Structures are given as structure tokens and as C-alpha cells.
PDB file of N, CA and C in Angstrom:
ATOM      1  N   GLN A   1      83.877 146.556  80.968  1.00  0.00           N
ATOM      2  CA  GLN A   1      84.711 146.019  82.036  1.00  0.00           C
ATOM      3  C   GLN A   1      86.172 146.207  81.662  1.00  0.00           C
ATOM      4  N   VAL A   2      86.914 146.796  82.590  1.00  0.00           N
ATOM      5  CA  VAL A   2      88.320 147.055  82.343  1.00  0.00           C
ATOM      6  C   VAL A   2      89.117 145.765  82.516  1.00  0.00           C
ATOM      7  N   GLN A   3      89.983 145.515  81.554  1.00  0.00           N
ATOM      8  CA  GLN A   3      90.870 144.361  81.652  1.00  0.00           C
ATOM      9  C   GLN A   3      92.301 144.779  81.344  1.00  0.00           C
ATOM     10  N   LEU A   4      93.203 144.275  82.132  1.00  0.00           N
ATOM     11  CA  LEU A   4      94.624 144.400  81.872  1.00  0.00           C
ATOM     12  C   LEU A   4      95.151 142.983  81.718  1.00  0.00           C
ATOM     13  N   VAL A   5      95.759 142.708  80.583  1.00  0.00           N
ATOM     14  CA  VAL A   5      96.206 141.342  80.297  1.00  0.00           C
ATOM     15  C   VAL A   5      97.705 141.344  80.030  1.00  0.00           C
ATOM     16  N   GLU A   6      98.432 140.717  80.946  1.00  0.00           N
ATOM     17  CA  GLU A   6      99.877 140.623  80.807  1.00  0.00           C
ATOM     18  C   GLU A   6     100.251 139.404  79.962  1.00  0.00           C
ATOM     19  N   SER A   7     101.379 139.521  79.284  1.00  0.00           N
ATOM     20  CA  SER A   7     101.933 138.403  78.522  1.00  0.00           C
ATOM     21  C   SER A   7     103.436 138.564  78.436  1.00  0.00           C
ATOM     22  N   GLY A   8     104.094 137.499  78.011  1.00  0.00           N
ATOM     23  CA  GLY A   8     105.531 137.567  77.800  1.00  0.00           C
ATOM     24  C   GLY A   8     106.375 136.935  78.877  1.00  0.00           C
ATOM     25  N   GLY A   9     105.745 136.469  79.943  1.00  0.00           N
ATOM     26  CA  GLY A   9     106.513 135.818  80.988  1.00  0.00           C
ATOM     27  C   GLY A   9     106.998 134.453  80.539  1.00  0.00           C
ATOM     28  N   GLY A  10     107.841 133.853  81.361  1.00  0.00           N
ATOM     29  CA  GLY A  10     108.355 132.532  81.034  1.00  0.00           C
ATOM     30  C   GLY A  10     109.570 132.195  81.843  1.00  0.00           C
ATOM     31  N   LEU A  11     110.260 131.166  81.396  1.00  0.00           N
ATOM     32  CA  LEU A  11     111.474 130.684  82.057  1.00  0.00           C
ATOM     33  C   LEU A  11     112.681 131.162  81.262  1.00  0.00           C
ATOM     34  N   VAL A  12     113.637 131.734  81.958  1.00  0.00           N
ATOM     35  CA  VAL A  12     114.830 132.243  81.299  1.00  0.00           C
ATOM     36  C   VAL A  12     116.025 131.980  82.206  1.00  0.00           C
ATOM     37  N   GLN A  13     117.181 131.821  81.606  1.00  0.00           N
ATOM     38  CA  GLN A  13     118.393 131.622  82.390  1.00  0.00           C
ATOM     39  C   GLN A  13     118.917 132.949  82.909  1.00  0.00           C
ATOM     40  N   ALA A  14     119.645 132.890  83.986  1.00  0.00           N
ATOM     41  CA  ALA A  14     120.254 134.094  84.548  1.00  0.00           C
ATOM     42  C   ALA A  14     121.095 134.790  83.478  1.00  0.00           C
ATOM     43  N   GLY A  15     120.959 136.095  83.424  1.00  0.00           N
ATOM     44  CA  GLY A  15     121.648 136.869  82.411  1.00  0.00           C
ATOM     45  C   GLY A  15     120.830 137.110  81.167  1.00  0.00           C
ATOM     46  N   GLY A  16     119.727 136.413  81.061  1.00  0.00           N
ATOM     47  CA  GLY A  16     118.869 136.545  79.894  1.00  0.00           C
ATOM     48  C   GLY A  16     117.940 137.744  79.989  1.00  0.00           C
ATOM     49  N   SER A  17     117.047 137.829  79.004  1.00  0.00           N
ATOM     50  CA  SER A  17     116.136 138.963  78.948  1.00  0.00           C
ATOM     51  C   SER A  17     114.740 138.502  78.553  1.00  0.00           C
ATOM     52  N   LEU A  18     113.789 139.309  78.902  1.00  0.00           N
ATOM     53  CA  LEU A  18     112.390 139.099  78.535  1.00  0.00           C
ATOM     54  C   LEU A  18     111.738 140.448  78.332  1.00  0.00           C
ATOM     55  N   ARG A  19     110.674 140.458  77.538  1.00  0.00           N
ATOM     56  CA  ARG A  19     109.852 141.657  77.424  1.00  0.00           C
ATOM     57  C   ARG A  19     108.411 141.294  77.752  1.00  0.00           C
ATOM     58  N   LEU A  20     107.907 141.934  78.786  1.00  0.00           N
ATOM     59  CA  LEU A  20     106.521 141.760  79.175  1.00  0.00           C
ATOM     60  C   LEU A  20     105.659 142.808  78.485  1.00  0.00           C
ATOM     61  N   SER A  21     104.433 142.411  78.176  1.00  0.00           N
ATOM     62  CA  SER A  21     103.462 143.335  77.601  1.00  0.00           C
ATOM     63  C   SER A  21     102.210 143.320  78.453  1.00  0.00           C
ATOM     64  N   CYS A  22     101.513 144.430  78.443  1.00  0.00           N
ATOM     65  CA  CYS A  22     100.241 144.520  79.149  1.00  0.00           C
ATOM     66  C   CYS A  22      99.281 145.278  78.254  1.00  0.00           C
ATOM     67  N   ALA A  23      98.273 144.579  77.780  1.00  0.00           N
ATOM     68  CA  ALA A  23      97.263 145.192  76.929  1.00  0.00           C
ATOM     69  C   ALA A  23      96.074 145.598  77.789  1.00  0.00           C
ATOM     70  N   ALA A  24      95.641 146.845  77.645  1.00  0.00           N
ATOM     71  CA  ALA A  24      94.595 147.395  78.500  1.00  0.00           C
ATOM     72  C   ALA A  24      93.350 147.724  77.683  1.00  0.00           C
ATOM     73  N   SER A  25      92.215 147.335  78.227  1.00  0.00           N
ATOM     74  CA  SER A  25      90.941 147.669  77.572  1.00  0.00           C
ATOM     75  C   SER A  25      90.389 148.960  78.163  1.00  0.00           C
ATOM     76  N   LEU A  26      91.233 149.968  78.198  1.00  0.00           N
ATOM     77  CA  LEU A  26      90.854 151.272  78.737  1.00  0.00           C
ATOM     78  C   LEU A  26      90.571 152.213  77.582  1.00  0.00           C
ATOM     79  N   ARG A  27      89.391 152.827  77.573  1.00  0.00           N
ATOM     80  CA  ARG A  27      89.023 153.712  76.469  1.00  0.00           C
ATOM     81  C   ARG A  27      89.911 154.950  76.417  1.00  0.00           C
ATOM     82  N   THR A  28      90.396 155.370  77.578  1.00  0.00           N
ATOM     83  CA  THR A  28      91.263 156.546  77.619  1.00  0.00           C
ATOM     84  C   THR A  28      92.597 156.157  78.226  1.00  0.00           C
ATOM     85  N   PHE A  29      93.233 155.201  77.595  1.00  0.00           N
ATOM     86  CA  PHE A  29      94.480 154.628  78.113  1.00  0.00           C
ATOM     87  C   PHE A  29      95.506 155.704  78.414  1.00  0.00           C
ATOM     88  N   SER A  30      95.600 156.724  77.558  1.00  0.00           N
ATOM     89  CA  SER A  30      96.612 157.763  77.725  1.00  0.00           C
ATOM     90  C   SER A  30      96.372 158.629  78.942  1.00  0.00           C
ATOM     91  N   TYR A  31      95.221 158.481  79.606  1.00  0.00           N
ATOM     92  CA  TYR A  31      94.916 159.250  80.810  1.00  0.00           C
ATOM     93  C   TYR A  31      95.384 158.533  82.078  1.00  0.00           C
ATOM     94  N   TYR A  32      95.962 157.341  81.900  1.00  0.00           N
ATOM     95  CA  TYR A  32      96.339 156.537  83.049  1.00  0.00           C
ATOM     96  C   TYR A  32      97.852 156.466  83.214  1.00  0.00           C
ATOM     97  N   ILE A  33      98.283 156.621  84.439  1.00  0.00           N
ATOM     98  CA  ILE A  33      99.637 156.231  84.805  1.00  0.00           C
ATOM     99  C   ILE A  33      99.659 154.708  84.825  1.00  0.00           C
ATOM    100  N   MET A  34     100.707 154.136  84.282  1.00  0.00           N
ATOM    101  CA  MET A  34     100.820 152.680  84.241  1.00  0.00           C
ATOM    102  C   MET A  34     102.016 152.231  85.074  1.00  0.00           C
ATOM    103  N   GLY A  35     101.832 151.129  85.757  1.00  0.00           N
ATOM    104  CA  GLY A  35     102.901 150.619  86.596  1.00  0.00           C
ATOM    105  C   GLY A  35     103.063 149.118  86.483  1.00  0.00           C
ATOM    106  N   TRP A  36     104.225 148.656  86.897  1.00  0.00           N
ATOM    107  CA  TRP A  36     104.508 147.228  87.022  1.00  0.00           C
ATOM    108  C   TRP A  36     104.914 146.960  88.471  1.00  0.00           C
ATOM    109  N   PHE A  37     104.380 145.904  89.011  1.00  0.00           N
ATOM    110  CA  PHE A  37     104.743 145.409  90.334  1.00  0.00           C
ATOM    111  C   PHE A  37     105.052 143.923  90.206  1.00  0.00           C
ATOM    112  N   ARG A  38     105.672 143.395  91.233  1.00  0.00           N
ATOM    113  CA  ARG A  38     105.924 141.960  91.243  1.00  0.00           C
ATOM    114  C   ARG A  38     105.783 141.416  92.656  1.00  0.00           C
ATOM    115  N   ARG A  39     105.479 140.138  92.718  1.00  0.00           N
ATOM    116  CA  ARG A  39     105.403 139.460  94.014  1.00  0.00           C
ATOM    117  C   ARG A  39     106.132 138.143  93.902  1.00  0.00           C
ATOM    118  N   ALA A  40     107.168 138.013  94.699  1.00  0.00           N
ATOM    119  CA  ALA A  40     107.912 136.758  94.774  1.00  0.00           C
ATOM    120  C   ALA A  40     107.328 135.896  95.884  1.00  0.00           C
ATOM    121  N   PRO A  41     107.501 134.592  95.807  1.00  0.00           N
ATOM    122  CA  PRO A  41     106.951 133.710  96.844  1.00  0.00           C
ATOM    123  C   PRO A  41     107.411 134.116  98.232  1.00  0.00           C
ATOM    124  N   GLY A  42     106.460 134.279  99.120  1.00  0.00           N
ATOM    125  CA  GLY A  42     106.781 134.609 100.500  1.00  0.00           C
ATOM    126  C   GLY A  42     107.190 136.044 100.739  1.00  0.00           C
ATOM    127  N   LYS A  43     107.061 136.891  99.722  1.00  0.00           N
ATOM    128  CA  LYS A  43     107.477 138.285  99.875  1.00  0.00           C
ATOM    129  C   LYS A  43     106.319 139.231  99.606  1.00  0.00           C
ATOM    130  N   GLU A  44     106.512 140.471 100.024  1.00  0.00           N
ATOM    131  CA  GLU A  44     105.520 141.502  99.776  1.00  0.00           C
ATOM    132  C   GLU A  44     105.546 141.917  98.300  1.00  0.00           C
ATOM    133  N   ARG A  45     104.425 142.483  97.872  1.00  0.00           N
ATOM    134  CA  ARG A  45     104.390 143.040  96.530  1.00  0.00           C
ATOM    135  C   ARG A  45     105.400 144.182  96.432  1.00  0.00           C
ATOM    136  N   GLU A  46     106.118 144.220  95.360  1.00  0.00           N
ATOM    137  CA  GLU A  46     107.222 145.171  95.196  1.00  0.00           C
ATOM    138  C   GLU A  46     107.006 146.026  93.958  1.00  0.00           C
ATOM    139  N   PHE A  47     107.237 147.323  94.117  1.00  0.00           N
ATOM    140  CA  PHE A  47     107.174 148.229  92.985  1.00  0.00           C
ATOM    141  C   PHE A  47     108.336 147.956  92.034  1.00  0.00           C
ATOM    142  N   VAL A  48     108.040 147.900  90.737  1.00  0.00           N
ATOM    143  CA  VAL A  48     109.069 147.662  89.730  1.00  0.00           C
ATOM    144  C   VAL A  48     109.312 148.905  88.888  1.00  0.00           C
ATOM    145  N   ALA A  49     108.228 149.446  88.296  1.00  0.00           N
ATOM    146  CA  ALA A  49     108.399 150.590  87.394  1.00  0.00           C
ATOM    147  C   ALA A  49     107.070 151.291  87.193  1.00  0.00           C
ATOM    148  N   ALA A  50     107.151 152.558  86.818  1.00  0.00           N
ATOM    149  CA  ALA A  50     105.960 153.331  86.500  1.00  0.00           C
ATOM    150  C   ALA A  50     106.284 154.287  85.360  1.00  0.00           C
ATOM    151  N   ILE A  51     105.229 154.651  84.626  1.00  0.00           N
ATOM    152  CA  ILE A  51     105.401 155.558  83.501  1.00  0.00           C
ATOM    153  C   ILE A  51     104.210 156.501  83.458  1.00  0.00           C
ATOM    154  N   SER A  52     104.489 157.766  83.196  1.00  0.00           N
ATOM    155  CA  SER A  52     103.434 158.758  83.161  1.00  0.00           C
ATOM    156  C   SER A  52     102.644 158.677  81.858  1.00  0.00           C
ATOM    157  N   TRP A  53     101.648 159.524  81.741  1.00  0.00           N
ATOM    158  CA  TRP A  53     100.641 159.410  80.698  1.00  0.00           C
ATOM    159  C   TRP A  53     101.201 159.370  79.282  1.00  0.00           C
ATOM    160  N   ALA A  54     102.107 160.284  78.979  1.00  0.00           N
ATOM    161  CA  ALA A  54     102.690 160.311  77.630  1.00  0.00           C
ATOM    162  C   ALA A  54     104.077 159.678  77.606  1.00  0.00           C
ATOM    163  N   GLY A  55     104.481 159.121  78.737  1.00  0.00           N
ATOM    164  CA  GLY A  55     105.775 158.465  78.807  1.00  0.00           C
ATOM    165  C   GLY A  55     106.942 159.370  79.107  1.00  0.00           C
ATOM    166  N   ARG A  56     106.666 160.609  79.478  1.00  0.00           N
ATOM    167  CA  ARG A  56     107.750 161.550  79.723  1.00  0.00           C
ATOM    168  C   ARG A  56     108.509 161.194  80.999  1.00  0.00           C
ATOM    169  N   ASN A  57     107.793 160.700  81.988  1.00  0.00           N
ATOM    170  CA  ASN A  57     108.406 160.350  83.268  1.00  0.00           C
ATOM    171  C   ASN A  57     108.400 158.838  83.453  1.00  0.00           C
ATOM    172  N   LYS A  58     109.533 158.322  83.896  1.00  0.00           N
ATOM    173  CA  LYS A  58     109.650 156.894  84.175  1.00  0.00           C
ATOM    174  C   LYS A  58     110.412 156.737  85.485  1.00  0.00           C
ATOM    175  N   ASP A  59     109.981 155.802  86.277  1.00  0.00           N
ATOM    176  CA  ASP A  59     110.644 155.563  87.559  1.00  0.00           C
ATOM    177  C   ASP A  59     110.736 154.073  87.825  1.00  0.00           C
ATOM    178  N   TYR A  60     111.755 153.709  88.589  1.00  0.00           N
ATOM    179  CA  TYR A  60     112.042 152.292  88.793  1.00  0.00           C
ATOM    180  C   TYR A  60     112.345 151.993  90.250  1.00  0.00           C
ATOM    181  N   GLY A  61     112.062 150.761  90.628  1.00  0.00           N
ATOM    182  CA  GLY A  61     112.484 150.309  91.937  1.00  0.00           C
ATOM    183  C   GLY A  61     113.998 150.155  91.977  1.00  0.00           C
ATOM    184  N   ASP A  62     114.560 150.265  93.155  1.00  0.00           N
ATOM    185  CA  ASP A  62     116.013 150.231  93.301  1.00  0.00           C
ATOM    186  C   ASP A  62     116.613 148.939  92.759  1.00  0.00           C
ATOM    187  N   SER A  63     115.917 147.848  92.944  1.00  0.00           N
ATOM    188  CA  SER A  63     116.486 146.551  92.581  1.00  0.00           C
ATOM    189  C   SER A  63     116.508 146.301  91.073  1.00  0.00           C
ATOM    190  N   VAL A  64     115.796 147.116  90.297  1.00  0.00           N
ATOM    191  CA  VAL A  64     115.739 146.891  88.848  1.00  0.00           C
ATOM    192  C   VAL A  64     116.313 148.056  88.052  1.00  0.00           C
ATOM    193  N   GLU A  65     116.621 149.136  88.743  1.00  0.00           N
ATOM    194  CA  GLU A  65     117.157 150.317  88.064  1.00  0.00           C
ATOM    195  C   GLU A  65     118.371 149.944  87.232  1.00  0.00           C
ATOM    196  N   GLY A  66     118.354 150.384  85.966  1.00  0.00           N
ATOM    197  CA  GLY A  66     119.488 150.100  85.092  1.00  0.00           C
ATOM    198  C   GLY A  66     119.365 148.794  84.324  1.00  0.00           C
ATOM    199  N   ARG A  67     118.422 147.947  84.722  1.00  0.00           N
ATOM    200  CA  ARG A  67     118.240 146.662  84.017  1.00  0.00           C
ATOM    201  C   ARG A  67     116.886 146.562  83.335  1.00  0.00           C
ATOM    202  N   PHE A  68     115.892 147.230  83.887  1.00  0.00           N
ATOM    203  CA  PHE A  68     114.534 147.169  83.346  1.00  0.00           C
ATOM    204  C   PHE A  68     114.189 148.514  82.722  1.00  0.00           C
ATOM    205  N   THR A  69     113.370 148.449  81.656  1.00  0.00           N
ATOM    206  CA  THR A  69     112.902 149.668  80.999  1.00  0.00           C
ATOM    207  C   THR A  69     111.401 149.561  80.759  1.00  0.00           C
ATOM    208  N   ILE A  70     110.689 150.564  81.212  1.00  0.00           N
ATOM    209  CA  ILE A  70     109.256 150.618  80.982  1.00  0.00           C
ATOM    210  C   ILE A  70     108.984 151.551  79.802  1.00  0.00           C
ATOM    211  N   SER A  71     108.000 151.191  78.994  1.00  0.00           N
ATOM    212  CA  SER A  71     107.597 152.031  77.877  1.00  0.00           C
ATOM    213  C   SER A  71     106.118 151.810  77.619  1.00  0.00           C
ATOM    214  N   ARG A  72     105.543 152.656  76.802  1.00  0.00           N
ATOM    215  CA  ARG A  72     104.126 152.506  76.491  1.00  0.00           C
ATOM    216  C   ARG A  72     103.870 152.937  75.060  1.00  0.00           C
ATOM    217  N   ASP A  73     102.821 152.359  74.495  1.00  0.00           N
ATOM    218  CA  ASP A  73     102.352 152.728  73.170  1.00  0.00           C
ATOM    219  C   ASP A  73     100.873 153.063  73.329  1.00  0.00           C
ATOM    220  N   ASN A  74     100.559 154.336  73.408  1.00  0.00           N
ATOM    221  CA  ASN A  74      99.176 154.736  73.645  1.00  0.00           C
ATOM    222  C   ASN A  74      98.265 154.407  72.469  1.00  0.00           C
ATOM    223  N   ALA A  75      98.803 154.310  71.284  1.00  0.00           N
ATOM    224  CA  ALA A  75      97.987 153.936  70.131  1.00  0.00           C
ATOM    225  C   ALA A  75      97.546 152.480  70.198  1.00  0.00           C
ATOM    226  N   ARG A  76      98.314 151.678  70.922  1.00  0.00           N
ATOM    227  CA  ARG A  76      98.004 150.247  71.076  1.00  0.00           C
ATOM    228  C   ARG A  76      97.494 149.894  72.460  1.00  0.00           C
ATOM    229  N   ASN A  77      97.312 150.906  73.301  1.00  0.00           N
ATOM    230  CA  ASN A  77      96.834 150.657  74.665  1.00  0.00           C
ATOM    231  C   ASN A  77      97.688 149.597  75.369  1.00  0.00           C
ATOM    232  N   THR A  78      98.982 149.723  75.218  1.00  0.00           N
ATOM    233  CA  THR A  78      99.875 148.696  75.734  1.00  0.00           C
ATOM    234  C   THR A  78     101.052 149.330  76.463  1.00  0.00           C
ATOM    235  N   VAL A  79     101.410 148.707  77.561  1.00  0.00           N
ATOM    236  CA  VAL A  79     102.613 149.093  78.297  1.00  0.00           C
ATOM    237  C   VAL A  79     103.553 147.889  78.301  1.00  0.00           C
ATOM    238  N   TYR A  80     104.832 148.176  78.255  1.00  0.00           N
ATOM    239  CA  TYR A  80     105.852 147.127  78.158  1.00  0.00           C
ATOM    240  C   TYR A  80     106.834 147.223  79.320  1.00  0.00           C
ATOM    241  N   LEU A  81     107.454 146.103  79.593  1.00  0.00           N
ATOM    242  CA  LEU A  81     108.559 146.071  80.546  1.00  0.00           C
ATOM    243  C   LEU A  81     109.652 145.212  79.929  1.00  0.00           C
ATOM    244  N   HIS A  82     110.723 145.876  79.527  1.00  0.00           N
ATOM    245  CA  HIS A  82     111.853 145.167  78.936  1.00  0.00           C
ATOM    246  C   HIS A  82     112.867 144.908  80.042  1.00  0.00           C
ATOM    247  N   MET A  83     113.190 143.649  80.239  1.00  0.00           N
ATOM    248  CA  MET A  83     114.053 143.239  81.348  1.00  0.00           C
ATOM    249  C   MET A  83     115.305 142.575  80.790  1.00  0.00           C
ATOM    250  N   ILE A  84     116.440 143.055  81.216  1.00  0.00           N
ATOM    251  CA  ILE A  84     117.707 142.457  80.798  1.00  0.00           C
ATOM    252  C   ILE A  84     118.502 142.055  82.027  1.00  0.00           C
ATOM    253  N   ARG A  85     119.557 141.280  81.823  1.00  0.00           N
ATOM    254  CA  ARG A  85     120.438 140.803  82.912  1.00  0.00           C
ATOM    255  C   ARG A  85     119.596 140.264  84.063  1.00  0.00           C
ATOM    256  N   LEU A  86     118.661 139.423  83.730  1.00  0.00           N
ATOM    257  CA  LEU A  86     117.782 138.868  84.750  1.00  0.00           C
ATOM    258  C   LEU A  86     118.553 137.967  85.694  1.00  0.00           C
ATOM    259  N   GLN A  87     118.130 137.998  86.952  1.00  0.00           N
ATOM    260  CA  GLN A  87     118.752 137.223  88.009  1.00  0.00           C
ATOM    261  C   GLN A  87     117.690 136.371  88.706  1.00  0.00           C
ATOM    262  N   PRO A  88     118.113 135.294  89.367  1.00  0.00           N
ATOM    263  CA  PRO A  88     117.130 134.455  90.072  1.00  0.00           C
ATOM    264  C   PRO A  88     116.233 135.243  91.023  1.00  0.00           C
ATOM    265  N   GLU A  89     116.760 136.289  91.622  1.00  0.00           N
ATOM    266  CA  GLU A  89     115.945 137.082  92.548  1.00  0.00           C
ATOM    267  C   GLU A  89     114.864 137.892  91.834  1.00  0.00           C
ATOM    268  N   ASP A  90     114.881 137.913  90.499  1.00  0.00           N
ATOM    269  CA  ASP A  90     113.806 138.559  89.751  1.00  0.00           C
ATOM    270  C   ASP A  90     112.611 137.631  89.554  1.00  0.00           C
ATOM    271  N   THR A  91     112.751 136.389  89.958  1.00  0.00           N
ATOM    272  CA  THR A  91     111.650 135.429  89.843  1.00  0.00           C
ATOM    273  C   THR A  91     110.462 135.907  90.661  1.00  0.00           C
ATOM    274  N   ALA A  92     109.319 136.029  89.995  1.00  0.00           N
ATOM    275  CA  ALA A  92     108.116 136.550  90.639  1.00  0.00           C
ATOM    276  C   ALA A  92     106.971 136.514  89.639  1.00  0.00           C
ATOM    277  N   VAL A  93     105.785 136.765  90.151  1.00  0.00           N
ATOM    278  CA  VAL A  93     104.648 137.066  89.285  1.00  0.00           C
ATOM    279  C   VAL A  93     104.643 138.574  89.074  1.00  0.00           C
ATOM    280  N   TYR A  94     104.585 138.968  87.826  1.00  0.00           N
ATOM    281  CA  TYR A  94     104.626 140.385  87.466  1.00  0.00           C
ATOM    282  C   TYR A  94     103.223 140.847  87.089  1.00  0.00           C
ATOM    283  N   TYR A  95     102.839 141.976  87.667  1.00  0.00           N
ATOM    284  CA  TYR A  95     101.514 142.534  87.461  1.00  0.00           C
ATOM    285  C   TYR A  95     101.618 143.932  86.858  1.00  0.00           C
ATOM    286  N   CYS A  96     100.754 144.222  85.907  1.00  0.00           N
ATOM    287  CA  CYS A  96     100.653 145.609  85.481  1.00  0.00           C
ATOM    288  C   CYS A  96      99.425 146.222  86.142  1.00  0.00           C
ATOM    289  N   ALA A  97      99.448 147.533  86.260  1.00  0.00           N
ATOM    290  CA  ALA A  97      98.388 148.245  86.955  1.00  0.00           C
ATOM    291  C   ALA A  97      98.193 149.619  86.318  1.00  0.00           C
ATOM    292  N   ALA A  98      96.976 150.135  86.447  1.00  0.00           N
ATOM    293  CA  ALA A  98      96.624 151.429  85.878  1.00  0.00           C
ATOM    294  C   ALA A  98      96.084 152.345  86.968  1.00  0.00           C
ATOM    295  N   SER A  99      96.547 153.590  86.933  1.00  0.00           N
ATOM    296  CA  SER A  99      96.156 154.566  87.940  1.00  0.00           C
ATOM    297  C   SER A  99      95.516 155.775  87.285  1.00  0.00           C
ATOM    298  N   ARG A 100      94.409 156.222  87.858  1.00  0.00           N
ATOM    299  CA  ARG A 100      93.737 157.421  87.357  1.00  0.00           C
ATOM    300  C   ARG A 100      94.193 158.689  88.065  1.00  0.00           C
ATOM    301  N   ARG A 101      95.262 158.604  88.825  1.00  0.00           N
ATOM    302  CA  ARG A 101      95.710 159.783  89.548  1.00  0.00           C
ATOM    303  C   ARG A 101      95.992 160.942  88.598  1.00  0.00           C
ATOM    304  N   ALA A 102      95.637 162.141  89.063  1.00  0.00           N
ATOM    305  CA  ALA A 102      95.829 163.339  88.238  1.00  0.00           C
ATOM    306  C   ALA A 102      97.248 163.879  88.318  1.00  0.00           C
ATOM    307  N   GLN A 103      97.988 163.411  89.335  1.00  0.00           N
ATOM    308  CA  GLN A 103      99.378 163.821  89.478  1.00  0.00           C
ATOM    309  C   GLN A 103     100.277 162.595  89.442  1.00  0.00           C
ATOM    310  N   TYR A 104     101.435 162.786  88.869  1.00  0.00           N
ATOM    311  CA  TYR A 104     102.390 161.685  88.790  1.00  0.00           C
ATOM    312  C   TYR A 104     103.191 161.656  90.085  1.00  0.00           C
ATOM    313  N   ASP A 105     102.561 161.066  91.103  1.00  0.00           N
ATOM    314  CA  ASP A 105     103.248 160.892  92.366  1.00  0.00           C
ATOM    315  C   ASP A 105     102.706 159.631  93.019  1.00  0.00           C
ATOM    316  N   GLN A 106     103.344 159.190  94.042  1.00  0.00           N
ATOM    317  CA  GLN A 106     102.952 157.980  94.769  1.00  0.00           C
ATOM    318  C   GLN A 106     102.772 156.798  93.820  1.00  0.00           C
ATOM    319  N   TYR A 107     103.488 156.796  92.742  1.00  0.00           N
ATOM    320  CA  TYR A 107     103.353 155.745  91.731  1.00  0.00           C
ATOM    321  C   TYR A 107     103.933 154.421  92.221  1.00  0.00           C
ATOM    322  N   ASN A 108     104.689 154.454  93.293  1.00  0.00           N
ATOM    323  CA  ASN A 108     105.283 153.236  93.811  1.00  0.00           C
ATOM    324  C   ASN A 108     104.408 152.564  94.869  1.00  0.00           C
ATOM    325  N   ARG A 109     103.232 153.093  95.088  1.00  0.00           N
ATOM    326  CA  ARG A 109     102.331 152.541  96.095  1.00  0.00           C
ATOM    327  C   ARG A 109     101.206 151.776  95.412  1.00  0.00           C
ATOM    328  N   PRO A 110     101.003 150.512  95.752  1.00  0.00           N
ATOM    329  CA  PRO A 110      99.931 149.738  95.110  1.00  0.00           C
ATOM    330  C   PRO A 110      98.557 150.388  95.264  1.00  0.00           C
ATOM    331  N   GLU A 111      98.331 151.053  96.376  1.00  0.00           N
ATOM    332  CA  GLU A 111      97.010 151.653  96.608  1.00  0.00           C
ATOM    333  C   GLU A 111      96.729 152.838  95.697  1.00  0.00           C
ATOM    334  N   SER A 112      97.735 153.295  94.950  1.00  0.00           N
ATOM    335  CA  SER A 112      97.526 154.381  93.991  1.00  0.00           C
ATOM    336  C   SER A 112      96.878 153.892  92.703  1.00  0.00           C
ATOM    337  N   TYR A 113      96.784 152.577  92.519  1.00  0.00           N
ATOM    338  CA  TYR A 113      96.328 152.008  91.258  1.00  0.00           C
ATOM    339  C   TYR A 113      94.897 151.503  91.371  1.00  0.00           C
ATOM    340  N   ASP A 114      94.170 151.697  90.281  1.00  0.00           N
ATOM    341  CA  ASP A 114      92.749 151.370  90.269  1.00  0.00           C
ATOM    342  C   ASP A 114      92.448 150.018  89.622  1.00  0.00           C
ATOM    343  N   TYR A 115      93.271 149.616  88.696  1.00  0.00           N
ATOM    344  CA  TYR A 115      93.026 148.364  87.979  1.00  0.00           C
ATOM    345  C   TYR A 115      94.311 147.550  87.924  1.00  0.00           C
ATOM    346  N   TRP A 116      94.117 146.225  87.985  1.00  0.00           N
ATOM    347  CA  TRP A 116      95.241 145.304  88.009  1.00  0.00           C
ATOM    348  C   TRP A 116      95.005 144.156  87.038  1.00  0.00           C
ATOM    349  N   GLY A 117      96.109 143.679  86.476  1.00  0.00           N
ATOM    350  CA  GLY A 117      96.044 142.477  85.679  1.00  0.00           C
ATOM    351  C   GLY A 117      96.141 141.234  86.549  1.00  0.00           C
ATOM    352  N   GLN A 118      96.061 140.085  85.903  1.00  0.00           N
ATOM    353  CA  GLN A 118      96.123 138.808  86.618  1.00  0.00           C
ATOM    354  C   GLN A 118      97.548 138.352  86.875  1.00  0.00           C
ATOM    355  N   GLY A 119      98.489 138.933  86.179  1.00  0.00           N
ATOM    356  CA  GLY A 119      99.888 138.604  86.412  1.00  0.00           C
ATOM    357  C   GLY A 119     100.437 137.602  85.415  1.00  0.00           C
ATOM    358  N   THR A 120     101.742 137.657  85.237  1.00  0.00           N
ATOM    359  CA  THR A 120     102.450 136.702  84.391  1.00  0.00           C
ATOM    360  C   THR A 120     103.704 136.249  85.140  1.00  0.00           C
ATOM    361  N   GLN A 121     103.961 134.963  85.107  1.00  0.00           N
ATOM    362  CA  GLN A 121     105.068 134.400  85.874  1.00  0.00           C
ATOM    363  C   GLN A 121     106.385 134.573  85.112  1.00  0.00           C
ATOM    364  N   VAL A 122     107.372 135.065  85.831  1.00  0.00           N
ATOM    365  CA  VAL A 122     108.742 135.127  85.319  1.00  0.00           C
ATOM    366  C   VAL A 122     109.609 134.278  86.248  1.00  0.00           C
ATOM    367  N   THR A 123     110.290 133.317  85.669  1.00  0.00           N
ATOM    368  CA  THR A 123     111.172 132.451  86.436  1.00  0.00           C
ATOM    369  C   THR A 123     112.569 132.511  85.841  1.00  0.00           C
ATOM    370  N   VAL A 124     113.535 132.842  86.681  1.00  0.00           N
ATOM    371  CA  VAL A 124     114.924 132.957  86.241  1.00  0.00           C
ATOM    372  C   VAL A 124     115.721 131.849  86.917  1.00  0.00           C
ATOM    373  N   SER A 125     116.300 130.992  86.109  1.00  0.00           N
ATOM    374  CA  SER A 125     117.084 129.881  86.656  1.00  0.00           C
ATOM    375  C   SER A 125     118.556 130.267  86.733  1.00  0.00           C
ATOM    376  N   SER A 126     119.201 129.716  87.736  1.00  0.00           N
ATOM    377  CA  SER A 126     120.623 130.041  87.945  1.00  0.00           C
ATOM    378  C   SER A 126     121.535 129.113  87.154  1.00  0.00           C
TER     379      SER A 126
END
């Protein structure tokens, strides 16, 4: 059974930083595109970041570009999201996801992903 387990969320003041981790029980983790999405209360799920199989390609949502960095460690089956200069509008549940797509495209669409974690709450106070 595939599991994606996020960790690292919490409460932080505006301007602070957090690093989220997502550990995947995927036997061929390096074959998956990995992504991060978030859902704020009352809002649609939003694309945050994606990273290709070996980490050569990385893409970000407009609202986090320049503040968030996605990375992966294929030896540890883990993907990370390093977030800096956090703002109250970043408050959301953050989800990691894994995609078996053979091409690195449509990575910003939730329907491109095959497996999802349960999410970790990030709360940014003003």
C-alpha cells in the first residue's frame, strides 16, 4: 500500500520559515513526479510546487515563486518544501502528491497525481 506522509507543519509568525517533508513508501520513488498542493479554508486546492524525477525541473505556483523551494532525495524517498518569508495567506493544509506521468507536464493539475498524503497544517500568524 502506497503511503505519503507529510511532516513539518506548524504555527509560525509572519516572515518565518518552515520545511515540510513527505516520506513516500514508493518502491520506485525516482520514477514519480512529486508535487505539493495546498488548500486554505474556503478555497480551492492550489498548486504550490512540482519536481521532476531526478530534480532537474522545478516549477512553482505564482503566489510562492521566489519564497518556496522544492527538492527531493531519491535515496530517502523524500520530497521537501522549504518555505521562507511566510505570510498569513500561506495558511493552509499542505499535501504532497506523486504522479506516474511519463512526461513532465500538467504538473500543476491535481488530476495528474496518483497518490496523495493526508496533509500537514501550516498556520502563519500576523
